[in-house]
All heavy atoms as atom14 arrays in JSON, in Angstrom:
{
  "sequence": "SSAPGTVLSRDRLLERVWDYGWGGDTRVVDVHVQRLRTKIGQDR",
  "atom14_mask": [
    [1, 1, 1, 1, 1, 1, 0, 0, 0, 0, 0, 0, 0, 0],
    [1, 1, 1, 1, 1, 1, 0, 0, 0, 0, 0, 0, 0, 0],
    [1, 1, 1, 1, 1, 0, 0, 0, 0, 0, 0, 0, 0, 0],
    [1, 1, 1, 1, 1, 1, 1, 0, 0, 0, 0, 0, 0, 0],
    [1, 1, 1, 1, 0, 0, 0, 0, 0, 0, 0, 0, 0, 0],
    [1, 1, 1, 1, 1, 1, 1, 0, 0, 0, 0, 0, 0, 0],
    [1, 1, 1, 1, 1, 1, 1, 0, 0, 0, 0, 0, 0, 0],
    [1, 1, 1, 1, 1, 1, 1, 1, 0, 0, 0, 0, 0, 0],
    [1, 1, 1, 1, 1, 1, 0, 0, 0, 0, 0, 0, 0, 0],
    [1, 1, 1, 1, 1, 1, 1, 1, 1, 1, 1, 0, 0, 0],
    [1, 1, 1, 1, 1, 1, 1, 1, 0, 0, 0, 0, 0, 0],
    [1, 1, 1, 1, 1, 1, 1, 1, 1, 1, 1, 0, 0, 0],
    [1, 1, 1, 1, 1, 1, 1, 1, 0, 0, 0, 0, 0, 0],
    [1, 1, 1, 1, 1, 1, 1, 1, 0, 0, 0, 0, 0, 0],
    [1, 1, 1, 1, 1, 1, 1, 1, 1, 0, 0, 0, 0, 0],
    [1, 1, 1, 1, 1, 1, 1, 1, 1, 1, 1, 0, 0, 0],
    [1, 1, 1, 1, 1, 1, 1, 0, 0, 0, 0, 0, 0, 0],
    [1, 1, 1, 1, 1, 1, 1, 1, 1, 1, 1, 1, 1, 1],
    [1, 1, 1, 1, 1, 1, 1, 1, 0, 0, 0, 0, 0, 0],
    [1, 1, 1, 1, 1, 1, 1, 1, 1, 1, 1, 1, 0, 0],
    [1, 1, 1, 1, 0, 0, 0, 0, 0, 0, 0, 0, 0, 0],
    [1, 1, 1, 1, 1, 1, 1, 1, 1, 1, 1, 1, 1, 1],
    [1, 1, 1, 1, 0, 0, 0, 0, 0, 0, 0, 0, 0, 0],
    [1, 1, 1, 1, 0, 0, 0, 0, 0, 0, 0, 0, 0, 0],
    [1, 1, 1, 1, 1, 1, 1, 1, 0, 0, 0, 0, 0, 0],
    [1, 1, 1, 1, 1, 1, 1, 0, 0, 0, 0, 0, 0, 0],
    [1, 1, 1, 1, 1, 1, 1, 1, 1, 1, 1, 0, 0, 0],
    [1, 1, 1, 1, 1, 1, 1, 0, 0, 0, 0, 0, 0, 0],
    [1, 1, 1, 1, 1, 1, 1, 0, 0, 0, 0, 0, 0, 0],
    [1, 1, 1, 1, 1, 1, 1, 1, 0, 0, 0, 0, 0, 0],
    [1, 1, 1, 1, 1, 1, 1, 0, 0, 0, 0, 0, 0, 0],
    [1, 1, 1, 1, 1, 1, 1, 1, 1, 1, 0, 0, 0, 0],
    [1, 1, 1, 1, 1, 1, 1, 0, 0, 0, 0, 0, 0, 0],
    [1, 1, 1, 1, 1, 1, 1, 1, 1, 0, 0, 0, 0, 0],
    [1, 1, 1, 1, 1, 1, 1, 1, 1, 1, 1, 0, 0, 0],
    [1, 1, 1, 1, 1, 1, 1, 1, 0, 0, 0, 0, 0, 0],
    [1, 1, 1, 1, 1, 1, 1, 1, 1, 1, 1, 0, 0, 0],
    [1, 1, 1, 1, 1, 1, 1, 0, 0, 0, 0, 0, 0, 0],
    [1, 1, 1, 1, 1, 1, 1, 1, 1, 0, 0, 0, 0, 0],
    [1, 1, 1, 1, 1, 1, 1, 1, 0, 0, 0, 0, 0, 0],
    [1, 1, 1, 1, 0, 0, 0, 0, 0, 0, 0, 0, 0, 0],
    [1, 1, 1, 1, 1, 1, 1, 1, 1, 0, 0, 0, 0, 0],
    [1, 1, 1, 1, 1, 1, 1, 1, 0, 0, 0, 0, 0, 0],
    [1, 1, 1, 1, 1, 1, 1, 1, 1, 1, 1, 0, 0, 0]
  ],
  "atom14_positions": [
    [[86.52, 61.16, 140.37], [86.07, 62.46, 141.01], [85.05, 63.12, 140.17], [84.23, 63.82, 140.6], [87.3, 63.37, 141.13], [88.35, 62.8, 141.88], [0.0, 0.0, 0.0], [0.0, 0.0, 0.0], [0.0, 0.0, 0.0], [0.0, 0.0, 0.0], [0.0, 0.0, 0.0], [0.0, 0.0, 0.0], [0.0, 0.0, 0.0], [0.0, 0.0, 0.0]],
    [[85.06, 62.85, 138.72], [83.98, 63.43, 137.98], [82.6, 62.89, 138.23], [81.62, 63.5, 137.81], [84.37, 63.18, 136.47], [84.27, 61.89, 136.14], [0.0, 0.0, 0.0], [0.0, 0.0, 0.0], [0.0, 0.0, 0.0], [0.0, 0.0, 0.0], [0.0, 0.0, 0.0], [0.0, 0.0, 0.0], [0.0, 0.0, 0.0], [0.0, 0.0, 0.0]],
    [[82.51, 61.73, 138.9], [81.27, 61.15, 139.15], [81.14, 60.39, 140.49], [81.03, 59.25, 140.57], [80.76, 60.2, 138.07], [0.0, 0.0, 0.0], [0.0, 0.0, 0.0], [0.0, 0.0, 0.0], [0.0, 0.0, 0.0], [0.0, 0.0, 0.0], [0.0, 0.0, 0.0], [0.0, 0.0, 0.0], [0.0, 0.0, 0.0], [0.0, 0.0, 0.0]],
    [[81.37, 61.12, 141.63], [81.4, 60.57, 142.88], [80.09, 59.88, 143.31], [79.07, 60.44, 142.94], [81.69, 61.68, 143.92], [81.25, 62.95, 143.13], [81.59, 62.66, 141.69], [0.0, 0.0, 0.0], [0.0, 0.0, 0.0], [0.0, 0.0, 0.0], [0.0, 0.0, 0.0], [0.0, 0.0, 0.0], [0.0, 0.0, 0.0], [0.0, 0.0, 0.0]],
    [[80.11, 58.63, 143.82], [78.98, 58.0, 144.1], [78.41, 57.17, 142.96], [77.45, 56.31, 143.17], [0.0, 0.0, 0.0], [0.0, 0.0, 0.0], [0.0, 0.0, 0.0], [0.0, 0.0, 0.0], [0.0, 0.0, 0.0], [0.0, 0.0, 0.0], [0.0, 0.0, 0.0], [0.0, 0.0, 0.0], [0.0, 0.0, 0.0], [0.0, 0.0, 0.0]],
    [[78.9, 57.38, 141.74], [78.43, 56.57, 140.68], [79.28, 55.35, 140.39], [80.52, 55.52, 140.36], [78.42, 57.52, 139.35], [77.53, 58.7, 139.62], [77.97, 56.84, 138.11], [0.0, 0.0, 0.0], [0.0, 0.0, 0.0], [0.0, 0.0, 0.0], [0.0, 0.0, 0.0], [0.0, 0.0, 0.0], [0.0, 0.0, 0.0], [0.0, 0.0, 0.0]],
    [[78.69, 54.33, 140.08], [79.39, 53.02, 139.85], [80.05, 53.2, 138.41], [79.25, 53.29, 137.47], [78.59, 51.83, 139.99], [79.39, 50.52, 139.6], [78.02, 51.75, 141.46], [0.0, 0.0, 0.0], [0.0, 0.0, 0.0], [0.0, 0.0, 0.0], [0.0, 0.0, 0.0], [0.0, 0.0, 0.0], [0.0, 0.0, 0.0], [0.0, 0.0, 0.0]],
    [[81.31, 52.95, 138.29], [81.96, 53.03, 136.97], [82.44, 51.56, 136.71], [83.17, 50.96, 137.45], [83.18, 53.92, 137.07], [82.86, 55.44, 137.45], [84.19, 56.26, 137.37], [81.81, 55.96, 136.67], [0.0, 0.0, 0.0], [0.0, 0.0, 0.0], [0.0, 0.0, 0.0], [0.0, 0.0, 0.0], [0.0, 0.0, 0.0], [0.0, 0.0, 0.0]],
    [[81.99, 51.14, 135.55], [82.41, 49.74, 135.12], [83.79, 49.63, 134.77], [84.53, 50.69, 134.37], [81.54, 49.32, 134.0], [81.87, 49.88, 132.77], [0.0, 0.0, 0.0], [0.0, 0.0, 0.0], [0.0, 0.0, 0.0], [0.0, 0.0, 0.0], [0.0, 0.0, 0.0], [0.0, 0.0, 0.0], [0.0, 0.0, 0.0], [0.0, 0.0, 0.0]],
    [[84.47, 48.49, 134.87], [85.83, 48.31, 134.41], [85.94, 48.62, 132.97], [86.99, 49.28, 132.58], [86.21, 46.86, 134.69], [86.42, 46.54, 136.25], [86.62, 45.15, 136.36], [86.83, 44.81, 137.83], [85.86, 44.67, 138.68], [84.58, 44.72, 138.37], [86.18, 44.24, 139.97], [0.0, 0.0, 0.0], [0.0, 0.0, 0.0], [0.0, 0.0, 0.0]],
    [[84.99, 48.26, 132.1], [85.11, 48.51, 130.71], [85.19, 50.06, 130.42], [85.86, 50.63, 129.61], [83.95, 47.88, 129.97], [84.02, 46.41, 129.81], [85.21, 45.9, 129.93], [82.99, 45.78, 129.58], [0.0, 0.0, 0.0], [0.0, 0.0, 0.0], [0.0, 0.0, 0.0], [0.0, 0.0, 0.0], [0.0, 0.0, 0.0], [0.0, 0.0, 0.0]],
    [[84.35, 50.82, 131.21], [84.21, 52.33, 130.99], [85.68, 52.82, 131.39], [86.2, 53.74, 130.62], [83.24, 52.83, 131.91], [83.31, 54.39, 131.86], [82.14, 55.06, 132.68], [82.48, 56.56, 132.87], [81.58, 57.35, 133.34], [80.36, 56.97, 133.52], [81.96, 58.63, 133.5], [0.0, 0.0, 0.0], [0.0, 0.0, 0.0], [0.0, 0.0, 0.0]],
    [[86.22, 52.36, 132.53], [87.52, 52.82, 132.98], [88.59, 52.54, 131.93], [89.47, 53.3, 131.64], [87.79, 52.38, 134.31], [86.93, 52.84, 135.44], [87.15, 52.03, 136.7], [87.22, 54.33, 135.7], [0.0, 0.0, 0.0], [0.0, 0.0, 0.0], [0.0, 0.0, 0.0], [0.0, 0.0, 0.0], [0.0, 0.0, 0.0], [0.0, 0.0, 0.0]],
    [[88.53, 51.27, 131.44], [89.48, 50.89, 130.36], [89.5, 51.92, 129.19], [90.52, 52.25, 128.56], [89.32, 49.48, 129.9], [89.85, 48.37, 130.69], [89.37, 47.04, 130.21], [91.37, 48.38, 130.76], [0.0, 0.0, 0.0], [0.0, 0.0, 0.0], [0.0, 0.0, 0.0], [0.0, 0.0, 0.0], [0.0, 0.0, 0.0], [0.0, 0.0, 0.0]],
    [[88.2, 52.21, 128.81], [88.07, 53.11, 127.67], [88.49, 54.49, 127.87], [89.22, 55.11, 127.14], [86.61, 53.12, 127.22], [86.34, 54.01, 126.03], [84.87, 54.07, 125.66], [84.03, 53.29, 126.31], [84.53, 54.7, 124.7], [0.0, 0.0, 0.0], [0.0, 0.0, 0.0], [0.0, 0.0, 0.0], [0.0, 0.0, 0.0], [0.0, 0.0, 0.0]],
    [[88.17, 55.07, 129.09], [88.43, 56.45, 129.38], [89.7, 56.8, 129.92], [90.24, 57.84, 129.76], [87.27, 57.04, 130.2], [85.88, 57.03, 129.46], [84.79, 57.5, 130.33], [84.98, 58.82, 130.78], [84.52, 59.92, 130.05], [83.93, 59.72, 128.9], [84.72, 61.14, 130.51], [0.0, 0.0, 0.0], [0.0, 0.0, 0.0], [0.0, 0.0, 0.0]],
    [[90.24, 55.8, 130.77], [91.47, 56.09, 131.37], [92.62, 55.44, 130.52], [93.74, 56.11, 130.3], [91.59, 55.48, 132.82], [92.87, 55.7, 133.52], [90.48, 56.23, 133.67], [0.0, 0.0, 0.0], [0.0, 0.0, 0.0], [0.0, 0.0, 0.0], [0.0, 0.0, 0.0], [0.0, 0.0, 0.0], [0.0, 0.0, 0.0], [0.0, 0.0, 0.0]],
    [[92.5, 54.29, 129.99], [93.55, 53.56, 129.26], [93.41, 53.81, 127.79], [94.2, 53.41, 126.98], [93.54, 52.05, 129.65], [94.26, 51.79, 130.87], [95.6, 51.48, 130.95], [93.81, 51.84, 132.26], [95.91, 51.39, 132.36], [94.91, 51.6, 133.07], [92.48, 52.16, 132.76], [94.74, 51.51, 134.5], [92.38, 52.12, 134.09], [93.5, 51.89, 134.99]],
    [[92.31, 54.53, 127.35], [92.14, 54.84, 125.98], [91.99, 53.56, 125.08], [92.36, 53.47, 123.97], [93.29, 55.66, 125.41], [92.98, 56.43, 124.12], [91.75, 56.6, 123.84], [93.88, 56.7, 123.42], [0.0, 0.0, 0.0], [0.0, 0.0, 0.0], [0.0, 0.0, 0.0], [0.0, 0.0, 0.0], [0.0, 0.0, 0.0], [0.0, 0.0, 0.0]],
    [[91.35, 52.52, 125.67], [91.11, 51.33, 124.93], [89.81, 51.43, 124.13], [88.65, 51.63, 124.74], [90.97, 50.07, 125.83], [92.22, 49.57, 126.34], [93.54, 50.17, 126.15], [92.22, 48.3, 127.0], [94.62, 49.69, 126.74], [93.38, 47.75, 127.48], [94.6, 48.44, 127.33], [95.81, 47.84, 127.85], [0.0, 0.0, 0.0], [0.0, 0.0, 0.0]],
    [[89.91, 51.42, 122.8], [88.63, 51.42, 122.02], [88.23, 50.04, 121.68], [87.36, 49.78, 120.95], [0.0, 0.0, 0.0], [0.0, 0.0, 0.0], [0.0, 0.0, 0.0], [0.0, 0.0, 0.0], [0.0, 0.0, 0.0], [0.0, 0.0, 0.0], [0.0, 0.0, 0.0], [0.0, 0.0, 0.0], [0.0, 0.0, 0.0], [0.0, 0.0, 0.0]],
    [[88.83, 49.0, 122.46], [88.46, 47.65, 122.2], [88.57, 46.98, 123.63], [88.95, 47.59, 124.55], [89.52, 46.96, 121.35], [90.93, 47.03, 121.81], [91.65, 46.05, 122.55], [91.89, 48.11, 121.58], [92.83, 46.55, 122.89], [93.03, 47.71, 122.31], [91.8, 49.27, 120.91], [94.17, 48.51, 122.27], [92.99, 50.12, 120.87], [94.1, 49.84, 121.49]],
    [[88.1, 45.77, 123.69], [88.16, 45.08, 124.97], [89.59, 44.96, 125.5], [90.52, 44.7, 124.77], [0.0, 0.0, 0.0], [0.0, 0.0, 0.0], [0.0, 0.0, 0.0], [0.0, 0.0, 0.0], [0.0, 0.0, 0.0], [0.0, 0.0, 0.0], [0.0, 0.0, 0.0], [0.0, 0.0, 0.0], [0.0, 0.0, 0.0], [0.0, 0.0, 0.0]],
    [[89.75, 44.99, 126.85], [91.05, 44.89, 127.51], [90.99, 43.99, 128.69], [89.85, 43.65, 129.09], [0.0, 0.0, 0.0], [0.0, 0.0, 0.0], [0.0, 0.0, 0.0], [0.0, 0.0, 0.0], [0.0, 0.0, 0.0], [0.0, 0.0, 0.0], [0.0, 0.0, 0.0], [0.0, 0.0, 0.0], [0.0, 0.0, 0.0], [0.0, 0.0, 0.0]],
    [[92.07, 43.77, 129.25], [92.22, 42.98, 130.45], [91.84, 43.82, 131.65], [92.58, 44.85, 131.9], [93.63, 42.39, 130.55], [93.8, 41.37, 131.61], [92.94, 41.35, 132.58], [94.73, 40.61, 131.59], [0.0, 0.0, 0.0], [0.0, 0.0, 0.0], [0.0, 0.0, 0.0], [0.0, 0.0, 0.0], [0.0, 0.0, 0.0], [0.0, 0.0, 0.0]],
    [[90.78, 43.47, 132.29], [90.31, 44.3, 133.44], [91.25, 44.1, 134.52], [91.05, 44.85, 135.63], [88.85, 43.84, 133.88], [88.84, 42.45, 134.2], [87.93, 44.09, 132.78], [0.0, 0.0, 0.0], [0.0, 0.0, 0.0], [0.0, 0.0, 0.0], [0.0, 0.0, 0.0], [0.0, 0.0, 0.0], [0.0, 0.0, 0.0], [0.0, 0.0, 0.0]],
    [[92.27, 43.21, 134.63], [93.21, 43.21, 135.76], [93.91, 44.49, 135.76], [94.45, 44.91, 136.93], [94.23, 42.04, 135.56], [93.59, 40.67, 135.83], [94.55, 39.55, 135.55], [95.06, 39.45, 134.29], [95.94, 38.63, 133.68], [96.36, 37.69, 134.49], [96.08, 38.54, 132.49], [0.0, 0.0, 0.0], [0.0, 0.0, 0.0], [0.0, 0.0, 0.0]],
    [[94.16, 45.18, 134.56], [94.81, 46.42, 134.59], [94.13, 47.42, 135.48], [94.67, 48.19, 136.39], [94.91, 46.98, 133.26], [95.43, 48.4, 133.18], [95.7, 46.05, 132.32], [0.0, 0.0, 0.0], [0.0, 0.0, 0.0], [0.0, 0.0, 0.0], [0.0, 0.0, 0.0], [0.0, 0.0, 0.0], [0.0, 0.0, 0.0], [0.0, 0.0, 0.0]],
    [[92.78, 47.46, 135.43], [91.92, 48.35, 136.25], [92.05, 47.91, 137.75], [92.24, 48.79, 138.6], [90.52, 48.34, 135.81], [89.63, 49.15, 136.74], [90.34, 48.76, 134.36], [0.0, 0.0, 0.0], [0.0, 0.0, 0.0], [0.0, 0.0, 0.0], [0.0, 0.0, 0.0], [0.0, 0.0, 0.0], [0.0, 0.0, 0.0], [0.0, 0.0, 0.0]],
    [[91.85, 46.65, 137.96], [91.82, 46.13, 139.38], [93.09, 46.39, 140.12], [93.13, 46.94, 141.27], [91.67, 44.66, 139.42], [90.18, 44.23, 138.88], [89.34, 45.14, 138.92], [90.02, 43.12, 138.46], [0.0, 0.0, 0.0], [0.0, 0.0, 0.0], [0.0, 0.0, 0.0], [0.0, 0.0, 0.0], [0.0, 0.0, 0.0], [0.0, 0.0, 0.0]],
    [[94.21, 46.17, 139.48], [95.54, 46.52, 140.14], [95.81, 48.04, 140.36], [96.17, 48.42, 141.43], [96.69, 45.89, 139.32], [98.03, 46.23, 139.94], [96.63, 44.35, 139.31], [0.0, 0.0, 0.0], [0.0, 0.0, 0.0], [0.0, 0.0, 0.0], [0.0, 0.0, 0.0], [0.0, 0.0, 0.0], [0.0, 0.0, 0.0], [0.0, 0.0, 0.0]],
    [[95.38, 48.86, 139.39], [95.48, 50.33, 139.52], [94.64, 50.81, 140.58], [94.9, 51.73, 141.4], [95.32, 50.94, 138.22], [96.55, 51.02, 137.36], [96.95, 50.02, 136.51], [97.53, 51.96, 137.24], [98.03, 50.35, 135.99], [98.47, 51.48, 136.38], [0.0, 0.0, 0.0], [0.0, 0.0, 0.0], [0.0, 0.0, 0.0], [0.0, 0.0, 0.0]],
    [[93.4, 50.26, 140.75], [92.52, 50.69, 141.79], [93.09, 50.35, 143.13], [93.05, 51.12, 144.09], [91.12, 50.07, 141.64], [90.3, 50.18, 142.9], [90.32, 50.66, 140.41], [0.0, 0.0, 0.0], [0.0, 0.0, 0.0], [0.0, 0.0, 0.0], [0.0, 0.0, 0.0], [0.0, 0.0, 0.0], [0.0, 0.0, 0.0], [0.0, 0.0, 0.0]],
    [[93.73, 49.13, 143.21], [94.34, 48.79, 144.53], [95.58, 49.73, 144.82], [95.81, 50.07, 145.99], [94.83, 47.28, 144.43], [93.69, 46.24, 144.43], [92.86, 46.42, 145.6], [93.32, 46.67, 146.78], [91.48, 46.27, 145.46], [0.0, 0.0, 0.0], [0.0, 0.0, 0.0], [0.0, 0.0, 0.0], [0.0, 0.0, 0.0], [0.0, 0.0, 0.0]],
    [[96.34, 50.01, 143.83], [97.43, 50.94, 144.07], [96.94, 52.29, 144.5], [97.6, 52.89, 145.37], [98.2, 51.07, 142.78], [99.23, 49.87, 142.6], [99.76, 49.9, 141.21], [100.25, 51.19, 140.64], [100.76, 51.43, 139.51], [100.77, 50.42, 138.64], [101.1, 52.61, 139.06], [0.0, 0.0, 0.0], [0.0, 0.0, 0.0], [0.0, 0.0, 0.0]],
    [[95.84, 52.76, 143.86], [95.24, 54.08, 144.15], [94.72, 54.0, 145.67], [94.9, 55.03, 146.39], [94.13, 54.42, 143.2], [93.57, 55.85, 143.41], [94.64, 56.89, 143.23], [92.4, 56.01, 142.25], [0.0, 0.0, 0.0], [0.0, 0.0, 0.0], [0.0, 0.0, 0.0], [0.0, 0.0, 0.0], [0.0, 0.0, 0.0], [0.0, 0.0, 0.0]],
    [[94.12, 52.9, 146.01], [93.62, 52.84, 147.41], [94.66, 52.91, 148.48], [94.46, 53.56, 149.51], [92.9, 51.56, 147.56], [91.45, 51.44, 147.09], [90.93, 50.02, 147.08], [89.55, 50.0, 146.83], [88.89, 48.93, 146.39], [89.52, 47.69, 146.19], [87.54, 48.9, 146.17], [0.0, 0.0, 0.0], [0.0, 0.0, 0.0], [0.0, 0.0, 0.0]],
    [[95.85, 52.29, 148.18], [96.92, 52.44, 149.17], [97.46, 53.85, 149.39], [97.87, 54.14, 150.47], [98.09, 51.61, 148.77], [98.65, 52.03, 147.51], [97.73, 50.13, 148.55], [0.0, 0.0, 0.0], [0.0, 0.0, 0.0], [0.0, 0.0, 0.0], [0.0, 0.0, 0.0], [0.0, 0.0, 0.0], [0.0, 0.0, 0.0], [0.0, 0.0, 0.0]],
    [[97.17, 54.67, 148.49], [97.65, 56.12, 148.49], [96.6, 56.98, 149.1], [97.02, 57.97, 149.73], [98.13, 56.51, 147.14], [99.29, 55.73, 146.64], [99.88, 56.27, 145.32], [101.08, 55.48, 144.78], [101.68, 56.04, 143.63], [0.0, 0.0, 0.0], [0.0, 0.0, 0.0], [0.0, 0.0, 0.0], [0.0, 0.0, 0.0], [0.0, 0.0, 0.0]],
    [[95.3, 56.85, 148.67], [94.23, 57.68, 149.04], [93.43, 57.15, 150.22], [92.51, 57.91, 150.68], [93.41, 58.17, 147.85], [92.55, 57.02, 147.36], [94.3, 58.79, 146.76], [91.49, 57.46, 146.36], [0.0, 0.0, 0.0], [0.0, 0.0, 0.0], [0.0, 0.0, 0.0], [0.0, 0.0, 0.0], [0.0, 0.0, 0.0], [0.0, 0.0, 0.0]],
    [[93.56, 56.03, 150.61], [92.75, 55.4, 151.69], [92.0, 54.13, 151.14], [91.28, 54.23, 150.15], [0.0, 0.0, 0.0], [0.0, 0.0, 0.0], [0.0, 0.0, 0.0], [0.0, 0.0, 0.0], [0.0, 0.0, 0.0], [0.0, 0.0, 0.0], [0.0, 0.0, 0.0], [0.0, 0.0, 0.0], [0.0, 0.0, 0.0], [0.0, 0.0, 0.0]],
    [[92.07, 53.06, 151.79], [91.43, 51.83, 151.42], [89.99, 51.94, 151.31], [89.27, 51.23, 150.49], [91.79, 50.65, 152.39], [93.38, 50.18, 152.26], [93.72, 49.57, 150.95], [92.8, 49.09, 150.27], [94.95, 49.59, 150.61], [0.0, 0.0, 0.0], [0.0, 0.0, 0.0], [0.0, 0.0, 0.0], [0.0, 0.0, 0.0], [0.0, 0.0, 0.0]],
    [[89.32, 52.86, 152.21], [87.93, 52.9, 152.22], [87.32, 53.98, 151.3], [86.08, 54.29, 151.31], [87.47, 53.09, 153.72], [88.05, 54.4, 154.25], [88.91, 54.99, 153.59], [87.56, 54.83, 155.36], [0.0, 0.0, 0.0], [0.0, 0.0, 0.0], [0.0, 0.0, 0.0], [0.0, 0.0, 0.0], [0.0, 0.0, 0.0], [0.0, 0.0, 0.0]],
    [[88.22, 54.68, 150.58], [87.77, 55.64, 149.71], [87.0, 55.25, 148.51], [86.16, 55.87, 147.94], [88.89, 56.66, 149.38], [88.59, 57.88, 148.63], [87.56, 58.77, 149.25], [87.89, 59.09, 150.65], [86.9, 59.55, 151.53], [85.69, 59.71, 151.11], [87.35, 59.78, 152.81], [0.0, 0.0, 0.0], [0.0, 0.0, 0.0], [0.0, 0.0, 0.0]]
  ]
}
C-alpha cells in the first residue's frame, strides 16, 4: 500500500516485512502473497 503500482522484489519484501538482514527463502514471500490474495482478491 505504501507504493501502489510499484514492483516490489521478493528480497525487498523479505527485508522490510520479515526483517531479514540477510538472504532468505523467497517461498516465504510467495506463499504469503498467495494467502493475501485469497483474502483481498486474486486480481489485486
